[in-house]
Amino acid sequence: MKLERTGHDAFALRVSAVELSSLIAAVRLAVDVLGGDEQAPPEAVARLRALLGDYERAAARLRRPDGRPWGLPEDSPGPASA
């Protein structure tokens, strides 16, 4: 993992696929747990949900060299062949 400051309140994070997967899984778990907790700060839950949405939109823009989106199983033909 490599973290660099790119601005006053901006950072660049370089992680492996496994590290990214672990971070996203932790955010999903936190949303599930905090979303069901009446004492959890609503702003924190909303920010985590927004972060997941940002991640999912960014991930959807990524493509494999063959044009299939990341996240599809290796043997999936992808939407172009559907």
N, C-alpha and C. Protein backbone atom coordinates (compact mmCIF):
# COMPACT_ATOMS: atom_id res chain seq x y z
N MET A 1 0.86 -1.17 0.00
CA MET A 1 0.00 0.00 0.00
C MET A 1 0.90 1.23 0.00
N LYS A 2 0.51 2.20 -0.79
CA LYS A 2 1.25 3.46 -0.85
C LYS A 2 0.24 4.60 -0.79
N LEU A 3 0.47 5.53 0.12
CA LEU A 3 -0.41 6.68 0.29
C LEU A 3 0.41 7.95 0.11
N GLU A 4 -0.07 8.83 -0.76
CA GLU A 4 0.62 10.09 -1.02
C GLU A 4 -0.36 11.24 -0.89
N ARG A 5 0.12 12.34 -0.35
CA ARG A 5 -0.69 13.57 -0.30
C ARG A 5 -0.55 14.26 -1.65
N THR A 6 -1.69 14.57 -2.27
CA THR A 6 -1.67 15.24 -3.57
C THR A 6 -2.21 16.66 -3.51
N GLY A 7 -2.69 17.05 -2.36
CA GLY A 7 -3.23 18.39 -2.17
C GLY A 7 -3.54 18.59 -0.70
N HIS A 8 -4.08 19.76 -0.38
CA HIS A 8 -4.39 20.07 1.01
C HIS A 8 -5.29 19.02 1.66
N ASP A 9 -6.32 18.62 0.96
CA ASP A 9 -7.24 17.61 1.50
C ASP A 9 -7.47 16.48 0.51
N ALA A 10 -6.43 16.15 -0.25
CA ALA A 10 -6.54 15.08 -1.25
C ALA A 10 -5.35 14.13 -1.13
N PHE A 11 -5.63 12.85 -1.36
CA PHE A 11 -4.61 11.83 -1.27
C PHE A 11 -4.73 10.90 -2.47
N ALA A 12 -3.64 10.27 -2.83
CA ALA A 12 -3.64 9.20 -3.83
C ALA A 12 -3.27 7.92 -3.10
N LEU A 13 -4.04 6.90 -3.31
CA LEU A 13 -3.84 5.62 -2.64
C LEU A 13 -3.58 4.56 -3.70
N ARG A 14 -2.47 3.87 -3.59
CA ARG A 14 -2.16 2.77 -4.51
C ARG A 14 -2.18 1.49 -3.69
N VAL A 15 -3.07 0.57 -4.08
CA VAL A 15 -3.23 -0.68 -3.35
C VAL A 15 -3.31 -1.84 -4.35
N SER A 16 -3.06 -3.03 -3.85
CA SER A 16 -3.24 -4.21 -4.67
C SER A 16 -4.74 -4.54 -4.75
N ALA A 17 -5.10 -5.44 -5.63
CA ALA A 17 -6.50 -5.84 -5.75
C ALA A 17 -7.02 -6.43 -4.45
N VAL A 18 -6.20 -7.22 -3.78
CA VAL A 18 -6.62 -7.83 -2.51
C VAL A 18 -6.82 -6.75 -1.44
N GLU A 19 -5.92 -5.78 -1.39
CA GLU A 19 -6.06 -4.70 -0.41
C GLU A 19 -7.32 -3.88 -0.67
N LEU A 20 -7.57 -3.56 -1.93
CA LEU A 20 -8.77 -2.80 -2.29
C LEU A 20 -10.03 -3.59 -1.94
N SER A 21 -10.01 -4.86 -2.27
CA SER A 21 -11.15 -5.72 -1.95
C SER A 21 -11.42 -5.75 -0.45
N SER A 22 -10.36 -5.82 0.35
CA SER A 22 -10.50 -5.84 1.80
C SER A 22 -11.07 -4.52 2.32
N LEU A 23 -10.58 -3.41 1.78
CA LEU A 23 -11.08 -2.10 2.21
C LEU A 23 -12.57 -1.94 1.87
N ILE A 24 -12.94 -2.32 0.67
CA ILE A 24 -14.34 -2.18 0.25
C ILE A 24 -15.23 -3.11 1.07
N ALA A 25 -14.75 -4.33 1.35
CA ALA A 25 -15.53 -5.25 2.18
C ALA A 25 -15.73 -4.67 3.58
N ALA A 26 -14.71 -4.02 4.13
CA ALA A 26 -14.83 -3.41 5.45
C ALA A 26 -15.85 -2.27 5.43
N VAL A 27 -15.86 -1.48 4.37
CA VAL A 27 -16.83 -0.39 4.26
C VAL A 27 -18.24 -0.96 4.15
N ARG A 28 -18.40 -2.01 3.35
CA ARG A 28 -19.73 -2.64 3.24
C ARG A 28 -20.21 -3.17 4.59
N LEU A 29 -19.31 -3.81 5.31
CA LEU A 29 -19.66 -4.34 6.64
C LEU A 29 -20.04 -3.20 7.57
N ALA A 30 -19.27 -2.13 7.55
CA ALA A 30 -19.57 -0.98 8.41
C ALA A 30 -20.94 -0.40 8.07
N VAL A 31 -21.26 -0.30 6.79
CA VAL A 31 -22.58 0.23 6.39
C VAL A 31 -23.68 -0.69 6.91
N ASP A 32 -23.48 -1.99 6.78
CA ASP A 32 -24.50 -2.93 7.26
C ASP A 32 -24.70 -2.81 8.77
N VAL A 33 -23.61 -2.76 9.50
CA VAL A 33 -23.70 -2.70 10.96
C VAL A 33 -24.23 -1.34 11.42
N LEU A 34 -23.63 -0.28 10.93
CA LEU A 34 -24.04 1.05 11.37
C LEU A 34 -25.42 1.43 10.87
N GLY A 35 -25.78 0.93 9.69
CA GLY A 35 -27.10 1.23 9.14
C GLY A 35 -28.23 0.70 10.01
N GLY A 36 -27.94 -0.35 10.78
CA GLY A 36 -28.96 -0.91 11.67
C GLY A 36 -28.86 -0.42 13.09
N ASP A 37 -27.96 0.48 13.36
CA ASP A 37 -27.74 1.00 14.71
C ASP A 37 -28.35 2.39 14.82
N GLU A 38 -29.37 2.52 15.64
CA GLU A 38 -30.05 3.81 15.79
C GLU A 38 -29.15 4.87 16.41
N GLN A 39 -28.08 4.46 17.09
CA GLN A 39 -27.18 5.42 17.73
C GLN A 39 -26.04 5.85 16.81
N ALA A 40 -25.92 5.21 15.67
CA ALA A 40 -24.85 5.57 14.73
C ALA A 40 -25.14 6.95 14.14
N PRO A 41 -24.12 7.77 14.00
CA PRO A 41 -24.35 9.09 13.40
C PRO A 41 -24.82 8.96 11.96
N PRO A 42 -25.98 9.51 11.63
CA PRO A 42 -26.51 9.38 10.27
C PRO A 42 -25.56 9.94 9.21
N GLU A 43 -24.82 10.98 9.58
CA GLU A 43 -23.87 11.57 8.62
C GLU A 43 -22.77 10.57 8.26
N ALA A 44 -22.32 9.80 9.24
CA ALA A 44 -21.27 8.81 9.00
C ALA A 44 -21.77 7.70 8.08
N VAL A 45 -22.99 7.24 8.34
CA VAL A 45 -23.57 6.18 7.51
C VAL A 45 -23.78 6.70 6.09
N ALA A 46 -24.28 7.92 5.96
CA ALA A 46 -24.49 8.51 4.63
C ALA A 46 -23.17 8.66 3.89
N ARG A 47 -22.12 9.06 4.60
CA ARG A 47 -20.81 9.24 3.95
C ARG A 47 -20.26 7.90 3.48
N LEU A 48 -20.42 6.85 4.28
CA LEU A 48 -19.97 5.52 3.87
C LEU A 48 -20.75 5.02 2.66
N ARG A 49 -22.06 5.27 2.66
CA ARG A 49 -22.88 4.86 1.50
C ARG A 49 -22.45 5.63 0.25
N ALA A 50 -22.16 6.91 0.41
CA ALA A 50 -21.70 7.72 -0.72
C ALA A 50 -20.35 7.20 -1.23
N LEU A 51 -19.48 6.83 -0.30
CA LEU A 51 -18.17 6.30 -0.68
C LEU A 51 -18.33 5.01 -1.50
N LEU A 52 -19.23 4.14 -1.06
CA LEU A 52 -19.49 2.91 -1.82
C LEU A 52 -20.05 3.22 -3.20
N GLY A 53 -20.94 4.17 -3.28
CA GLY A 53 -21.49 4.56 -4.57
C GLY A 53 -20.42 5.11 -5.49
N ASP A 54 -19.54 5.96 -4.94
CA ASP A 54 -18.43 6.51 -5.74
C ASP A 54 -17.54 5.38 -6.24
N TYR A 55 -17.23 4.44 -5.35
CA TYR A 55 -16.38 3.31 -5.73
C TYR A 55 -17.04 2.48 -6.84
N GLU A 56 -18.33 2.17 -6.67
CA GLU A 56 -19.02 1.33 -7.66
C GLU A 56 -19.08 2.00 -9.02
N ARG A 57 -19.31 3.31 -9.05
CA ARG A 57 -19.32 4.03 -10.33
C ARG A 57 -17.93 4.05 -10.97
N ALA A 58 -16.90 4.26 -10.16
CA ALA A 58 -15.53 4.27 -10.69
C ALA A 58 -15.14 2.88 -11.18
N ALA A 59 -15.51 1.85 -10.43
CA ALA A 59 -15.18 0.48 -10.82
C ALA A 59 -15.90 0.09 -12.11
N ALA A 60 -17.12 0.59 -12.29
CA ALA A 60 -17.88 0.27 -13.50
C ALA A 60 -17.23 0.85 -14.75
N ARG A 61 -16.47 1.92 -14.58
CA ARG A 61 -15.79 2.53 -15.72
C ARG A 61 -14.52 1.78 -16.12
N LEU A 62 -14.02 0.92 -15.23
CA LEU A 62 -12.82 0.15 -15.55
C LEU A 62 -13.15 -0.96 -16.52
N ARG A 63 -12.25 -1.24 -17.42
CA ARG A 63 -12.45 -2.31 -18.40
C ARG A 63 -11.22 -3.19 -18.47
N ARG A 64 -11.43 -4.46 -18.75
CA ARG A 64 -10.33 -5.38 -19.00
C ARG A 64 -9.80 -5.11 -20.40
N PRO A 65 -8.61 -5.62 -20.72
CA PRO A 65 -8.07 -5.41 -22.07
C PRO A 65 -9.01 -5.88 -23.18
N ASP A 66 -9.84 -6.89 -22.91
CA ASP A 66 -10.76 -7.39 -23.94
C ASP A 66 -12.08 -6.61 -23.96
N GLY A 67 -12.19 -5.57 -23.13
CA GLY A 67 -13.38 -4.73 -23.14
C GLY A 67 -14.44 -5.11 -22.14
N ARG A 68 -14.32 -6.30 -21.51
CA ARG A 68 -15.31 -6.69 -20.50
C ARG A 68 -15.08 -5.90 -19.22
N PRO A 69 -16.14 -5.58 -18.50
CA PRO A 69 -15.95 -4.86 -17.25
C PRO A 69 -15.29 -5.74 -16.21
N TRP A 70 -14.51 -5.14 -15.33
CA TRP A 70 -13.98 -5.85 -14.18
C TRP A 70 -15.15 -6.25 -13.31
N GLY A 71 -14.99 -7.28 -12.57
CA GLY A 71 -16.04 -7.72 -11.67
C GLY A 71 -16.89 -8.84 -12.25
N LEU A 72 -16.79 -9.07 -13.56
CA LEU A 72 -17.48 -10.21 -14.13
C LEU A 72 -16.59 -11.44 -13.97
N PRO A 73 -17.17 -12.61 -13.76
CA PRO A 73 -16.35 -13.81 -13.68
C PRO A 73 -15.53 -13.99 -14.96
N GLU A 74 -14.38 -14.63 -14.82
CA GLU A 74 -13.47 -14.81 -15.95
C GLU A 74 -14.14 -15.45 -17.16
N ASP A 75 -15.06 -16.38 -16.93
CA ASP A 75 -15.67 -17.09 -18.05
C ASP A 75 -16.93 -16.43 -18.57
N SER A 76 -17.28 -15.27 -18.00
CA SER A 76 -18.48 -14.56 -18.45
C SER A 76 -18.21 -13.87 -19.78
N PRO A 77 -19.13 -13.96 -20.73
CA PRO A 77 -18.93 -13.29 -22.00
C PRO A 77 -19.08 -11.77 -21.91
N GLY A 78 -19.69 -11.29 -20.85
CA GLY A 78 -19.87 -9.85 -20.71
C GLY A 78 -21.10 -9.38 -21.46
N PRO A 79 -21.45 -8.10 -21.29
CA PRO A 79 -22.70 -7.59 -21.86
C PRO A 79 -22.68 -7.52 -23.39
N ALA A 80 -21.52 -7.40 -24.03
CA ALA A 80 -21.48 -7.28 -25.50
C ALA A 80 -21.97 -8.54 -26.18
N SER A 81 -21.77 -9.70 -25.53
CA SER A 81 -22.19 -10.96 -26.14
C SER A 81 -23.58 -11.39 -25.71
N ALA A 82 -24.16 -10.67 -24.79
CA ALA A 82 -25.48 -11.07 -24.25
C ALA A 82 -26.57 -10.79 -25.24
